[in-house]
N, C-alpha and C. Protein backbone atom coordinates (compact mmCIF):
# COMPACT_ATOMS: atom_id res chain seq x y z
N UNK A 1 -0.66 -5.34 19.65
CA UNK A 1 -0.97 -3.94 19.35
C UNK A 1 -0.36 -3.51 18.04
N UNK A 2 -0.73 -2.33 17.61
CA UNK A 2 -0.20 -1.81 16.36
C UNK A 2 1.26 -1.42 16.54
N UNK A 3 2.03 -1.61 15.51
CA UNK A 3 3.40 -1.12 15.56
C UNK A 3 3.34 0.40 15.53
N UNK A 4 3.94 1.02 16.49
CA UNK A 4 3.90 2.47 16.59
C UNK A 4 4.58 3.11 15.38
N UNK A 5 3.91 4.08 14.81
CA UNK A 5 4.54 4.82 13.72
C UNK A 5 4.37 4.18 12.35
N UNK A 6 4.11 2.87 12.31
CA UNK A 6 3.98 2.23 11.00
C UNK A 6 2.66 2.62 10.35
N UNK A 7 1.63 2.69 11.14
CA UNK A 7 0.30 2.99 10.62
C UNK A 7 -0.17 4.34 11.12
N UNK A 8 -0.96 5.00 10.31
CA UNK A 8 -1.61 6.21 10.79
C UNK A 8 -2.74 5.74 11.71
N UNK A 9 -2.96 6.42 12.79
CA UNK A 9 -3.90 5.94 13.79
C UNK A 9 -5.32 6.41 13.58
N UNK A 10 -5.55 7.23 12.52
CA UNK A 10 -6.92 7.68 12.32
C UNK A 10 -7.73 6.60 11.63
N UNK A 11 -9.03 6.73 11.68
CA UNK A 11 -9.85 5.85 10.86
C UNK A 11 -10.48 4.73 11.64
N UNK A 12 -11.79 4.60 11.45
CA UNK A 12 -12.56 3.55 12.11
C UNK A 12 -12.88 2.43 11.12
N UNK A 13 -12.48 2.60 9.88
CA UNK A 13 -12.84 1.62 8.86
C UNK A 13 -12.19 0.27 9.13
N UNK A 14 -12.61 -0.71 8.35
CA UNK A 14 -12.09 -2.05 8.57
C UNK A 14 -11.17 -2.47 7.43
N UNK A 15 -10.70 -1.50 6.66
CA UNK A 15 -9.87 -1.82 5.51
C UNK A 15 -8.57 -1.03 5.54
N UNK A 16 -7.65 -1.47 4.70
CA UNK A 16 -6.32 -0.85 4.67
C UNK A 16 -5.88 -0.62 3.24
N UNK A 17 -5.21 0.50 3.01
CA UNK A 17 -4.42 0.66 1.80
C UNK A 17 -2.98 0.57 2.28
N UNK A 18 -2.22 -0.36 1.66
CA UNK A 18 -0.87 -0.62 2.15
C UNK A 18 0.17 -0.27 1.09
N UNK A 19 1.38 -0.05 1.57
CA UNK A 19 2.52 0.18 0.69
C UNK A 19 3.57 -0.87 1.05
N UNK A 20 3.93 -1.69 0.07
CA UNK A 20 4.91 -2.74 0.30
C UNK A 20 6.16 -2.48 -0.54
N UNK A 21 7.29 -2.94 -0.02
CA UNK A 21 8.53 -2.91 -0.81
C UNK A 21 9.08 -4.32 -0.86
N UNK A 22 9.95 -4.54 -1.82
CA UNK A 22 10.63 -5.83 -1.88
C UNK A 22 12.10 -5.56 -2.20
N UNK A 23 13.01 -6.17 -1.42
CA UNK A 23 14.43 -5.92 -1.62
C UNK A 23 14.92 -6.28 -3.02
N UNK A 24 14.18 -7.15 -3.72
CA UNK A 24 14.60 -7.52 -5.08
C UNK A 24 14.24 -6.43 -6.09
N UNK A 25 13.37 -5.50 -5.72
CA UNK A 25 13.01 -4.40 -6.63
C UNK A 25 13.18 -3.05 -5.94
N UNK A 26 14.42 -2.63 -5.71
CA UNK A 26 14.62 -1.35 -5.04
C UNK A 26 14.03 -0.21 -5.86
N UNK A 27 13.43 0.76 -5.16
CA UNK A 27 12.85 1.90 -5.86
C UNK A 27 11.43 1.67 -6.32
N UNK A 28 10.93 0.44 -6.19
CA UNK A 28 9.54 0.17 -6.55
C UNK A 28 8.72 -0.10 -5.31
N UNK A 29 7.49 0.42 -5.33
CA UNK A 29 6.57 0.16 -4.23
C UNK A 29 5.30 -0.45 -4.79
N UNK A 30 4.74 -1.37 -4.03
CA UNK A 30 3.47 -1.99 -4.41
C UNK A 30 2.39 -1.38 -3.54
N UNK A 31 1.37 -0.81 -4.16
CA UNK A 31 0.28 -0.17 -3.42
C UNK A 31 -0.99 -0.94 -3.69
N UNK A 32 -1.66 -1.36 -2.63
CA UNK A 32 -2.89 -2.13 -2.81
C UNK A 32 -3.79 -1.98 -1.60
N UNK A 33 -4.89 -2.72 -1.58
CA UNK A 33 -5.78 -2.64 -0.43
C UNK A 33 -6.10 -4.03 0.08
N UNK A 34 -6.49 -4.11 1.33
CA UNK A 34 -6.85 -5.39 1.90
C UNK A 34 -7.88 -5.21 3.01
N UNK A 35 -8.67 -6.26 3.24
CA UNK A 35 -9.59 -6.27 4.38
C UNK A 35 -8.99 -7.08 5.52
N UNK A 36 -7.83 -7.71 5.26
CA UNK A 36 -7.13 -8.40 6.33
C UNK A 36 -6.18 -7.40 6.98
N UNK A 37 -5.23 -7.87 7.77
CA UNK A 37 -4.19 -6.94 8.21
C UNK A 37 -3.16 -6.84 7.09
N UNK A 38 -2.48 -5.72 7.01
CA UNK A 38 -1.44 -5.57 5.98
C UNK A 38 -0.39 -6.69 6.07
N UNK A 39 -0.06 -7.11 7.29
CA UNK A 39 0.94 -8.18 7.45
C UNK A 39 0.47 -9.49 6.83
N UNK A 40 -0.81 -9.82 7.07
CA UNK A 40 -1.35 -11.07 6.50
C UNK A 40 -1.30 -11.01 4.98
N UNK A 41 -1.72 -9.87 4.46
CA UNK A 41 -1.74 -9.69 3.00
C UNK A 41 -0.33 -9.78 2.43
N UNK A 42 0.60 -9.20 3.14
CA UNK A 42 2.00 -9.18 2.73
C UNK A 42 2.55 -10.61 2.63
N UNK A 43 2.25 -11.41 3.64
CA UNK A 43 2.69 -12.82 3.64
C UNK A 43 2.08 -13.56 2.46
N UNK A 44 0.80 -13.28 2.21
CA UNK A 44 0.08 -13.92 1.11
C UNK A 44 0.75 -13.62 -0.23
N UNK A 45 1.01 -12.33 -0.45
CA UNK A 45 1.61 -11.90 -1.72
C UNK A 45 2.99 -12.51 -1.86
N UNK A 46 3.75 -12.51 -0.77
CA UNK A 46 5.10 -13.05 -0.82
C UNK A 46 5.10 -14.52 -1.22
N UNK A 47 4.17 -15.30 -0.66
CA UNK A 47 4.15 -16.72 -1.01
C UNK A 47 3.53 -16.95 -2.38
N UNK A 48 2.52 -16.15 -2.74
CA UNK A 48 1.83 -16.34 -4.01
C UNK A 48 2.72 -16.00 -5.21
N UNK A 49 3.55 -14.97 -5.06
CA UNK A 49 4.35 -14.53 -6.20
C UNK A 49 5.67 -15.27 -6.27
N UNK A 50 5.96 -16.07 -5.25
CA UNK A 50 7.19 -16.86 -5.27
C UNK A 50 8.44 -16.02 -5.39
N UNK A 51 8.44 -14.83 -4.77
CA UNK A 51 9.62 -13.98 -4.83
C UNK A 51 10.73 -14.57 -3.97
N UNK A 52 11.97 -14.26 -4.33
CA UNK A 52 13.12 -14.78 -3.59
C UNK A 52 13.13 -14.26 -2.16
N UNK A 53 12.76 -13.01 -2.00
CA UNK A 53 12.75 -12.38 -0.67
C UNK A 53 11.35 -11.87 -0.39
N UNK A 54 10.89 -11.97 0.85
CA UNK A 54 9.52 -11.54 1.15
C UNK A 54 9.34 -10.02 1.05
N UNK A 55 8.11 -9.63 0.79
CA UNK A 55 7.76 -8.22 0.82
C UNK A 55 7.78 -7.72 2.25
N UNK A 56 7.88 -6.40 2.37
CA UNK A 56 7.87 -5.77 3.68
C UNK A 56 6.81 -4.68 3.67
N UNK A 57 6.00 -4.62 4.74
CA UNK A 57 5.02 -3.55 4.85
C UNK A 57 5.76 -2.27 5.25
N UNK A 58 5.73 -1.27 4.38
CA UNK A 58 6.39 0.00 4.68
C UNK A 58 5.47 0.92 5.46
N UNK A 59 4.18 0.84 5.13
CA UNK A 59 3.23 1.77 5.73
C UNK A 59 1.83 1.31 5.35
N UNK A 60 0.84 1.64 6.17
CA UNK A 60 -0.53 1.29 5.82
C UNK A 60 -1.48 2.33 6.38
N UNK A 61 -2.59 2.50 5.68
CA UNK A 61 -3.58 3.54 5.99
C UNK A 61 -4.91 2.84 6.27
N UNK A 62 -5.46 3.08 7.45
CA UNK A 62 -6.69 2.43 7.89
C UNK A 62 -7.88 3.25 7.41
N UNK A 63 -8.84 2.61 6.75
CA UNK A 63 -9.91 3.42 6.14
C UNK A 63 -11.15 2.58 5.85
N UNK A 64 -12.17 3.28 5.37
CA UNK A 64 -13.34 2.63 4.77
C UNK A 64 -13.07 2.52 3.28
N UNK A 65 -13.69 1.56 2.62
CA UNK A 65 -13.61 1.43 1.17
C UNK A 65 -12.18 1.51 0.64
N UNK A 66 -11.37 0.58 1.10
CA UNK A 66 -9.98 0.53 0.65
C UNK A 66 -9.86 0.38 -0.86
N UNK A 67 -10.83 -0.34 -1.45
CA UNK A 67 -10.79 -0.53 -2.91
C UNK A 67 -10.94 0.81 -3.63
N UNK A 68 -11.90 1.61 -3.18
CA UNK A 68 -12.12 2.92 -3.81
C UNK A 68 -10.90 3.81 -3.69
N UNK A 69 -10.31 3.81 -2.49
CA UNK A 69 -9.12 4.64 -2.27
C UNK A 69 -7.95 4.12 -3.11
N UNK A 70 -7.78 2.81 -3.15
CA UNK A 70 -6.71 2.23 -3.96
C UNK A 70 -6.84 2.67 -5.41
N UNK A 71 -8.08 2.63 -5.95
CA UNK A 71 -8.30 3.02 -7.34
C UNK A 71 -7.90 4.48 -7.57
N UNK A 72 -8.28 5.35 -6.64
CA UNK A 72 -7.94 6.77 -6.77
C UNK A 72 -6.43 6.99 -6.74
N UNK A 73 -5.78 6.29 -5.81
CA UNK A 73 -4.33 6.42 -5.67
C UNK A 73 -3.64 5.92 -6.95
N UNK A 74 -4.07 4.77 -7.45
CA UNK A 74 -3.49 4.23 -8.67
C UNK A 74 -3.67 5.19 -9.84
N UNK A 75 -4.85 5.80 -9.91
CA UNK A 75 -5.13 6.74 -11.00
C UNK A 75 -4.22 7.96 -10.90
N UNK A 76 -4.09 8.49 -9.68
CA UNK A 76 -3.28 9.68 -9.49
C UNK A 76 -1.80 9.41 -9.78
N UNK A 77 -1.35 8.21 -9.48
CA UNK A 77 0.07 7.88 -9.65
C UNK A 77 0.34 7.18 -10.98
N UNK A 78 -0.62 7.28 -11.90
CA UNK A 78 -0.52 6.55 -13.16
C UNK A 78 0.81 6.76 -13.88
N UNK A 79 1.32 7.99 -13.83
CA UNK A 79 2.56 8.32 -14.53
C UNK A 79 3.76 7.58 -13.93
N UNK A 80 3.63 7.16 -12.67
CA UNK A 80 4.73 6.46 -11.99
C UNK A 80 4.62 4.94 -12.10
N UNK A 81 3.56 4.48 -12.76
CA UNK A 81 3.31 3.05 -12.85
C UNK A 81 4.41 2.39 -13.68
N UNK A 82 4.83 1.22 -13.26
CA UNK A 82 5.90 0.52 -13.96
C UNK A 82 5.30 -0.36 -15.05
N UNK A 83 5.77 -0.15 -16.27
CA UNK A 83 5.30 -0.85 -17.47
C UNK A 83 3.92 -1.53 -17.35
N UNK A 84 2.93 -0.69 -17.12
CA UNK A 84 1.55 -1.18 -17.13
C UNK A 84 1.21 -2.14 -16.00
N UNK A 85 2.15 -2.38 -15.10
CA UNK A 85 1.82 -3.29 -14.00
C UNK A 85 0.89 -2.58 -13.02
N UNK A 86 -0.18 -3.23 -12.69
CA UNK A 86 -1.27 -2.60 -11.98
C UNK A 86 -0.89 -1.97 -10.64
N UNK A 87 -0.04 -2.64 -9.86
CA UNK A 87 0.15 -2.16 -8.49
C UNK A 87 1.56 -1.68 -8.18
N UNK A 88 2.45 -1.68 -9.18
CA UNK A 88 3.83 -1.29 -8.89
C UNK A 88 4.13 0.12 -9.38
N UNK A 89 4.75 0.91 -8.53
CA UNK A 89 5.02 2.30 -8.84
C UNK A 89 6.45 2.65 -8.50
N UNK A 90 7.05 3.44 -9.38
CA UNK A 90 8.39 3.93 -9.13
C UNK A 90 8.23 5.29 -8.47
N UNK A 91 8.33 5.29 -7.16
CA UNK A 91 7.98 6.48 -6.40
C UNK A 91 8.62 6.37 -5.02
N UNK A 92 8.88 7.51 -4.41
CA UNK A 92 9.46 7.45 -3.07
C UNK A 92 8.37 7.12 -2.05
N UNK A 93 8.77 6.54 -0.95
CA UNK A 93 7.80 6.19 0.09
C UNK A 93 7.09 7.45 0.59
N UNK A 94 7.84 8.56 0.73
CA UNK A 94 7.23 9.80 1.21
C UNK A 94 6.11 10.26 0.28
N UNK A 95 6.39 10.22 -1.02
CA UNK A 95 5.40 10.68 -1.99
C UNK A 95 4.19 9.75 -2.00
N UNK A 96 4.44 8.46 -1.90
CA UNK A 96 3.34 7.49 -1.88
C UNK A 96 2.46 7.71 -0.65
N UNK A 97 3.09 7.88 0.52
CA UNK A 97 2.34 8.12 1.75
C UNK A 97 1.51 9.38 1.66
N UNK A 98 2.13 10.44 1.14
CA UNK A 98 1.45 11.73 1.02
C UNK A 98 0.22 11.60 0.13
N UNK A 99 0.36 10.89 -0.98
CA UNK A 99 -0.76 10.70 -1.92
C UNK A 99 -1.89 9.94 -1.25
N UNK A 100 -1.55 8.85 -0.55
CA UNK A 100 -2.58 8.05 0.12
C UNK A 100 -3.28 8.88 1.20
N UNK A 101 -2.51 9.66 1.95
CA UNK A 101 -3.11 10.46 3.03
C UNK A 101 -4.02 11.55 2.48
N UNK A 102 -3.56 12.25 1.45
CA UNK A 102 -4.36 13.34 0.87
C UNK A 102 -5.68 12.80 0.33
N UNK A 103 -5.60 11.75 -0.48
CA UNK A 103 -6.84 11.19 -1.05
C UNK A 103 -7.64 10.47 0.01
N UNK A 104 -6.96 9.92 1.00
CA UNK A 104 -7.60 9.09 2.01
C UNK A 104 -8.44 9.85 3.00
N UNK A 105 -8.28 11.17 3.07
CA UNK A 105 -9.09 11.97 4.01
C UNK A 105 -10.57 11.73 3.86
N UNK A 106 -11.01 11.47 2.62
CA UNK A 106 -12.43 11.26 2.38
C UNK A 106 -12.88 9.85 2.73
N UNK A 107 -11.92 8.99 3.09
CA UNK A 107 -12.26 7.58 3.37
C UNK A 107 -12.12 7.24 4.84
N UNK A 108 -12.08 8.27 5.68
CA UNK A 108 -11.90 8.03 7.11
C UNK A 108 -13.25 7.92 7.80
């Protein structure tokens, strides 16, 4: 079953916009989308990037068109983007969640 509280329970879509953190980069969050489960994607990223410590799923939003929502979120958070890196943002988890939820209403 779903971990209680980790995911918002709304949404019939088959996609996710996720927020990941990594202990090696405190204060940075990685925001992206996946058609797998956020956990599977997290494991993939952790092994692909060869980080010392694995990423952790902080939160995920279930929706339709995760790619479209991810693009909107990235655009809105552009000022928080870390040196041009596409998916990393210097932002609090609360602010990131709020942004995804506000924009995500149209993707439910």
